[in-house]
Amino acid sequence: MTQERPVASPCVHVCALDDADVCLGCQRTADEITRWGRMDNDERRQVLQRCAERAREQGVLI
């Protein structure tokens, strides 16, 4: 059985946090960015889903 490859980071190298500590580039919170390397793939997918939701709420993603 082959091991699943790690889910890639959504980082786009636009690293700036807004007033709510959410990155303007990838939409992850500071905590999610810090913990990313220790997350399993399921947790990473959940974070990516939340990032997409944040992007839609901010009008960054339609």
PDB file of N, CA and C in Angstrom:
ATOM      1  N   MET A   1       0.836  -1.180   0.000  1.00  0.00           N
ATOM      2  CA  MET A   1       0.000   0.000   0.000  1.00  0.00           C
ATOM      3  C   MET A   1       0.882   1.245   0.000  1.00  0.00           C
ATOM      4  N   THR A   2       0.628   2.152  -0.933  1.00  0.00           N
ATOM      5  CA  THR A   2       1.423   3.371  -0.999  1.00  0.00           C
ATOM      6  C   THR A   2       0.860   4.417  -0.050  1.00  0.00           C
ATOM      7  N   GLN A   3       1.766   5.179   0.506  1.00  0.00           N
ATOM      8  CA  GLN A   3       1.357   6.216   1.454  1.00  0.00           C
ATOM      9  C   GLN A   3       0.907   7.457   0.679  1.00  0.00           C
ATOM     10  N   GLU A   4      -0.153   8.090   1.161  1.00  0.00           N
ATOM     11  CA  GLU A   4      -0.688   9.294   0.538  1.00  0.00           C
ATOM     12  C   GLU A   4       0.315  10.440   0.660  1.00  0.00           C
ATOM     13  N   ARG A   5       0.464  11.197  -0.415  1.00  0.00           N
ATOM     14  CA  ARG A   5       1.359  12.355  -0.379  1.00  0.00           C
ATOM     15  C   ARG A   5       0.744  13.447   0.495  1.00  0.00           C
ATOM     16  N   PRO A   6       1.591  14.242   1.154  1.00  0.00           N
ATOM     17  CA  PRO A   6       1.072  15.320   1.991  1.00  0.00           C
ATOM     18  C   PRO A   6       0.296  16.345   1.162  1.00  0.00           C
ATOM     19  N   VAL A   7      -0.785  16.858   1.715  1.00  0.00           N
ATOM     20  CA  VAL A   7      -1.544  17.927   1.081  1.00  0.00           C
ATOM     21  C   VAL A   7      -0.657  19.165   1.069  1.00  0.00           C
ATOM     22  N   ALA A   8      -0.530  19.792  -0.091  1.00  0.00           N
ATOM     23  CA  ALA A   8       0.368  20.938  -0.249  1.00  0.00           C
ATOM     24  C   ALA A   8      -0.156  22.176   0.480  1.00  0.00           C
ATOM     25  N   SER A   9       0.768  22.982   0.919  1.00  0.00           N
ATOM     26  CA  SER A   9       0.428  24.245   1.573  1.00  0.00           C
ATOM     27  C   SER A   9      -0.209  25.189   0.554  1.00  0.00           C
ATOM     28  N   PRO A  10      -1.198  25.966   0.992  1.00  0.00           N
ATOM     29  CA  PRO A  10      -1.823  26.940   0.092  1.00  0.00           C
ATOM     30  C   PRO A  10      -1.047  28.263   0.020  1.00  0.00           C
ATOM     31  N   CYS A  11       0.126  28.321   0.629  1.00  0.00           N
ATOM     32  CA  CYS A  11       0.907  29.556   0.671  1.00  0.00           C
ATOM     33  C   CYS A  11       1.180  30.079  -0.742  1.00  0.00           C
ATOM     34  N   VAL A  12       0.933  31.376  -0.935  1.00  0.00           N
ATOM     35  CA  VAL A  12       1.203  32.021  -2.224  1.00  0.00           C
ATOM     36  C   VAL A  12       2.269  33.112  -2.060  1.00  0.00           C
ATOM     37  N   HIS A  13       2.969  33.087  -0.939  1.00  0.00           N
ATOM     38  CA  HIS A  13       4.072  34.007  -0.640  1.00  0.00           C
ATOM     39  C   HIS A  13       3.631  35.464  -0.607  1.00  0.00           C
ATOM     40  N   VAL A  14       2.401  35.695  -0.169  1.00  0.00           N
ATOM     41  CA  VAL A  14       1.888  37.033   0.124  1.00  0.00           C
ATOM     42  C   VAL A  14       1.524  36.974   1.607  1.00  0.00           C
ATOM     43  N   CYS A  15       2.543  37.065   2.435  1.00  0.00           N
ATOM     44  CA  CYS A  15       2.393  36.787   3.861  1.00  0.00           C
ATOM     45  C   CYS A  15       2.171  38.069   4.648  1.00  0.00           C
ATOM     46  N   ALA A  16       0.911  38.371   4.888  1.00  0.00           N
ATOM     47  CA  ALA A  16       0.537  39.534   5.693  1.00  0.00           C
ATOM     48  C   ALA A  16      -0.764  39.203   6.402  1.00  0.00           C
ATOM     49  N   LEU A  17      -0.779  39.406   7.707  1.00  0.00           N
ATOM     50  CA  LEU A  17      -1.965  39.101   8.496  1.00  0.00           C
ATOM     51  C   LEU A  17      -2.849  40.330   8.629  1.00  0.00           C
ATOM     52  N   ASP A  18      -4.169  40.126   8.541  1.00  0.00           N
ATOM     53  CA  ASP A  18      -5.115  41.223   8.764  1.00  0.00           C
ATOM     54  C   ASP A  18      -5.373  41.370  10.260  1.00  0.00           C
ATOM     55  N   ASP A  19      -6.313  42.225  10.621  1.00  0.00           N
ATOM     56  CA  ASP A  19      -6.609  42.480  12.037  1.00  0.00           C
ATOM     57  C   ASP A  19      -7.134  41.249  12.772  1.00  0.00           C
ATOM     58  N   ALA A  20      -7.667  40.282  12.037  1.00  0.00           N
ATOM     59  CA  ALA A  20      -8.191  39.048  12.639  1.00  0.00           C
ATOM     60  C   ALA A  20      -7.143  37.932  12.617  1.00  0.00           C
ATOM     61  N   ASP A  21      -5.888  38.262  12.299  1.00  0.00           N
ATOM     62  CA  ASP A  21      -4.792  37.283  12.197  1.00  0.00           C
ATOM     63  C   ASP A  21      -5.040  36.245  11.113  1.00  0.00           C
ATOM     64  N   VAL A  22      -5.632  36.661  10.003  1.00  0.00           N
ATOM     65  CA  VAL A  22      -5.834  35.795   8.839  1.00  0.00           C
ATOM     66  C   VAL A  22      -4.909  36.307   7.738  1.00  0.00           C
ATOM     67  N   CYS A  23      -4.176  35.402   7.120  1.00  0.00           N
ATOM     68  CA  CYS A  23      -3.245  35.776   6.057  1.00  0.00           C
ATOM     69  C   CYS A  23      -4.004  36.269   4.826  1.00  0.00           C
ATOM     70  N   LEU A  24      -3.587  37.408   4.308  1.00  0.00           N
ATOM     71  CA  LEU A  24      -4.227  37.973   3.118  1.00  0.00           C
ATOM     72  C   LEU A  24      -3.936  37.138   1.866  1.00  0.00           C
ATOM     73  N   GLY A  25      -2.854  36.384   1.882  1.00  0.00           N
ATOM     74  CA  GLY A  25      -2.490  35.576   0.720  1.00  0.00           C
ATOM     75  C   GLY A  25      -3.202  34.244   0.660  1.00  0.00           C
ATOM     76  N   CYS A  26      -3.114  33.461   1.741  1.00  0.00           N
ATOM     77  CA  CYS A  26      -3.640  32.088   1.699  1.00  0.00           C
ATOM     78  C   CYS A  26      -4.931  31.898   2.495  1.00  0.00           C
ATOM     79  N   GLN A  27      -5.320  32.906   3.262  1.00  0.00           N
ATOM     80  CA  GLN A  27      -6.548  32.869   4.061  1.00  0.00           C
ATOM     81  C   GLN A  27      -6.478  31.943   5.275  1.00  0.00           C
ATOM     82  N   ARG A  28      -5.281  31.471   5.626  1.00  0.00           N
ATOM     83  CA  ARG A  28      -5.149  30.683   6.853  1.00  0.00           C
ATOM     84  C   ARG A  28      -4.955  31.616   8.038  1.00  0.00           C
ATOM     85  N   THR A  29      -5.386  31.160   9.215  1.00  0.00           N
ATOM     86  CA  THR A  29      -5.123  31.914  10.434  1.00  0.00           C
ATOM     87  C   THR A  29      -3.661  31.712  10.827  1.00  0.00           C
ATOM     88  N   ALA A  30      -3.170  32.586  11.693  1.00  0.00           N
ATOM     89  CA  ALA A  30      -1.793  32.455  12.171  1.00  0.00           C
ATOM     90  C   ALA A  30      -1.589  31.082  12.818  1.00  0.00           C
ATOM     91  N   ASP A  31      -2.577  30.624  13.579  1.00  0.00           N
ATOM     92  CA  ASP A  31      -2.480  29.312  14.224  1.00  0.00           C
ATOM     93  C   ASP A  31      -2.421  28.188  13.189  1.00  0.00           C
ATOM     94  N   GLU A  32      -3.230  28.281  12.144  1.00  0.00           N
ATOM     95  CA  GLU A  32      -3.226  27.241  11.108  1.00  0.00           C
ATOM     96  C   GLU A  32      -1.884  27.211  10.378  1.00  0.00           C
ATOM     97  N   ILE A  33      -1.308  28.377  10.131  1.00  0.00           N
ATOM     98  CA  ILE A  33      -0.001  28.443   9.475  1.00  0.00           C
ATOM     99  C   ILE A  33       1.056  27.788  10.361  1.00  0.00           C
ATOM    100  N   THR A  34       1.038  28.126  11.638  1.00  0.00           N
ATOM    101  CA  THR A  34       2.021  27.599  12.584  1.00  0.00           C
ATOM    102  C   THR A  34       1.926  26.085  12.714  1.00  0.00           C
ATOM    103  N   ARG A  35       0.709  25.563  12.729  1.00  0.00           N
ATOM    104  CA  ARG A  35       0.501  24.130  12.960  1.00  0.00           C
ATOM    105  C   ARG A  35       0.542  23.284  11.681  1.00  0.00           C
ATOM    106  N   TRP A  36       0.554  23.891  10.501  1.00  0.00           N
ATOM    107  CA  TRP A  36       0.436  23.177   9.229  1.00  0.00           C
ATOM    108  C   TRP A  36       1.380  21.972   9.137  1.00  0.00           C
ATOM    109  N   GLY A  37       2.623  22.132   9.500  1.00  0.00           N
ATOM    110  CA  GLY A  37       3.612  21.059   9.379  1.00  0.00           C
ATOM    111  C   GLY A  37       3.318  19.859  10.264  1.00  0.00           C
ATOM    112  N   ARG A  38       2.506  20.035  11.298  1.00  0.00           N
ATOM    113  CA  ARG A  38       2.176  18.939  12.211  1.00  0.00           C
ATOM    114  C   ARG A  38       0.792  18.353  11.951  1.00  0.00           C
ATOM    115  N   MET A  39       0.069  18.903  10.972  1.00  0.00           N
ATOM    116  CA  MET A  39      -1.286  18.414  10.673  1.00  0.00           C
ATOM    117  C   MET A  39      -1.238  17.182   9.786  1.00  0.00           C
ATOM    118  N   ASP A  40      -2.236  16.293   9.955  1.00  0.00           N
ATOM    119  CA  ASP A  40      -2.371  15.198   9.012  1.00  0.00           C
ATOM    120  C   ASP A  40      -3.187  15.704   7.811  1.00  0.00           C
ATOM    121  N   ASN A  41      -3.281  14.888   6.771  1.00  0.00           N
ATOM    122  CA  ASN A  41      -3.956  15.328   5.551  1.00  0.00           C
ATOM    123  C   ASN A  41      -5.429  15.671   5.767  1.00  0.00           C
ATOM    124  N   ASP A  42      -6.107  14.938   6.626  1.00  0.00           N
ATOM    125  CA  ASP A  42      -7.521  15.244   6.879  1.00  0.00           C
ATOM    126  C   ASP A  42      -7.671  16.640   7.469  1.00  0.00           C
ATOM    127  N   GLU A  43      -6.833  16.971   8.441  1.00  0.00           N
ATOM    128  CA  GLU A  43      -6.908  18.300   9.052  1.00  0.00           C
ATOM    129  C   GLU A  43      -6.527  19.377   8.036  1.00  0.00           C
ATOM    130  N   ARG A  44      -5.525  19.092   7.202  1.00  0.00           N
ATOM    131  CA  ARG A  44      -5.129  20.059   6.177  1.00  0.00           C
ATOM    132  C   ARG A  44      -6.283  20.321   5.205  1.00  0.00           C
ATOM    133  N   ARG A  45      -7.004  19.282   4.825  1.00  0.00           N
ATOM    134  CA  ARG A  45      -8.156  19.468   3.930  1.00  0.00           C
ATOM    135  C   ARG A  45      -9.241  20.319   4.590  1.00  0.00           C
ATOM    136  N   GLN A  46      -9.451  20.126   5.883  1.00  0.00           N
ATOM    137  CA  GLN A  46     -10.426  20.941   6.610  1.00  0.00           C
ATOM    138  C   GLN A  46     -10.000  22.412   6.614  1.00  0.00           C
ATOM    139  N   VAL A  47      -8.709  22.639   6.815  1.00  0.00           N
ATOM    140  CA  VAL A  47      -8.192  24.010   6.792  1.00  0.00           C
ATOM    141  C   VAL A  47      -8.397  24.624   5.406  1.00  0.00           C
ATOM    142  N   LEU A  48      -8.104  23.864   4.360  1.00  0.00           N
ATOM    143  CA  LEU A  48      -8.282  24.384   3.001  1.00  0.00           C
ATOM    144  C   LEU A  48      -9.736  24.745   2.731  1.00  0.00           C
ATOM    145  N   GLN A  49     -10.666  23.952   3.267  1.00  0.00           N
ATOM    146  CA  GLN A  49     -12.079  24.259   3.116  1.00  0.00           C
ATOM    147  C   GLN A  49     -12.417  25.574   3.819  1.00  0.00           C
ATOM    148  N   ARG A  50     -11.898  25.751   5.030  1.00  0.00           N
ATOM    149  CA  ARG A  50     -12.138  27.004   5.755  1.00  0.00           C
ATOM    150  C   ARG A  50     -11.502  28.188   5.021  1.00  0.00           C
ATOM    151  N   CYS A  51     -10.338  27.977   4.422  1.00  0.00           N
ATOM    152  CA  CYS A  51      -9.686  29.044   3.653  1.00  0.00           C
ATOM    153  C   CYS A  51     -10.569  29.472   2.484  1.00  0.00           C
ATOM    154  N   ALA A  52     -11.148  28.506   1.787  1.00  0.00           N
ATOM    155  CA  ALA A  52     -12.030  28.811   0.659  1.00  0.00           C
ATOM    156  C   ALA A  52     -13.255  29.587   1.140  1.00  0.00           C
ATOM    157  N   GLU A  53     -13.804  29.187   2.284  1.00  0.00           N
ATOM    158  CA  GLU A  53     -14.961  29.896   2.843  1.00  0.00           C
ATOM    159  C   GLU A  53     -14.590  31.334   3.212  1.00  0.00           C
ATOM    160  N   ARG A  54     -13.424  31.518   3.832  1.00  0.00           N
ATOM    161  CA  ARG A  54     -12.975  32.870   4.194  1.00  0.00           C
ATOM    162  C   ARG A  54     -12.777  33.719   2.938  1.00  0.00           C
ATOM    163  N   ALA A  55     -12.186  33.114   1.907  1.00  0.00           N
ATOM    164  CA  ALA A  55     -11.941  33.851   0.663  1.00  0.00           C
ATOM    165  C   ALA A  55     -13.259  34.302   0.035  1.00  0.00           C
ATOM    166  N   ARG A  56     -14.256  33.429   0.044  1.00  0.00           N
ATOM    167  CA  ARG A  56     -15.571  33.813  -0.494  1.00  0.00           C
ATOM    168  C   ARG A  56     -16.195  34.936   0.331  1.00  0.00           C
ATOM    169  N   GLU A  57     -16.080  34.838   1.652  1.00  0.00           N
ATOM    170  CA  GLU A  57     -16.643  35.868   2.532  1.00  0.00           C
ATOM    171  C   GLU A  57     -15.965  37.224   2.309  1.00  0.00           C
ATOM    172  N   GLN A  58     -14.672  37.194   1.994  1.00  0.00           N
ATOM    173  CA  GLN A  58     -13.916  38.430   1.772  1.00  0.00           C
ATOM    174  C   GLN A  58     -14.050  38.941   0.337  1.00  0.00           C
ATOM    175  N   GLY A  59     -14.718  38.164  -0.526  1.00  0.00           N
ATOM    176  CA  GLY A  59     -14.852  38.570  -1.914  1.00  0.00           C
ATOM    177  C   GLY A  59     -13.622  38.308  -2.750  1.00  0.00           C
ATOM    178  N   VAL A  60     -12.681  37.532  -2.196  1.00  0.00           N
ATOM    179  CA  VAL A  60     -11.448  37.197  -2.905  1.00  0.00           C
ATOM    180  C   VAL A  60     -11.691  36.060  -3.889  1.00  0.00           C
ATOM    181  N   LEU A  61     -12.623  35.173  -3.545  1.00  0.00           N
ATOM    182  CA  LEU A  61     -12.949  34.016  -4.360  1.00  0.00           C
ATOM    183  C   LEU A  61     -14.462  33.999  -4.574  1.00  0.00           C
ATOM    184  N   ILE A  62     -14.861  33.845  -5.808  1.00  0.00           N
ATOM    185  CA  ILE A  62     -16.300  33.865  -6.107  1.00  0.00           C
ATOM    186  C   ILE A  62     -16.855  32.466  -6.118  1.00  0.00           C
TER     187      ILE A  62
END
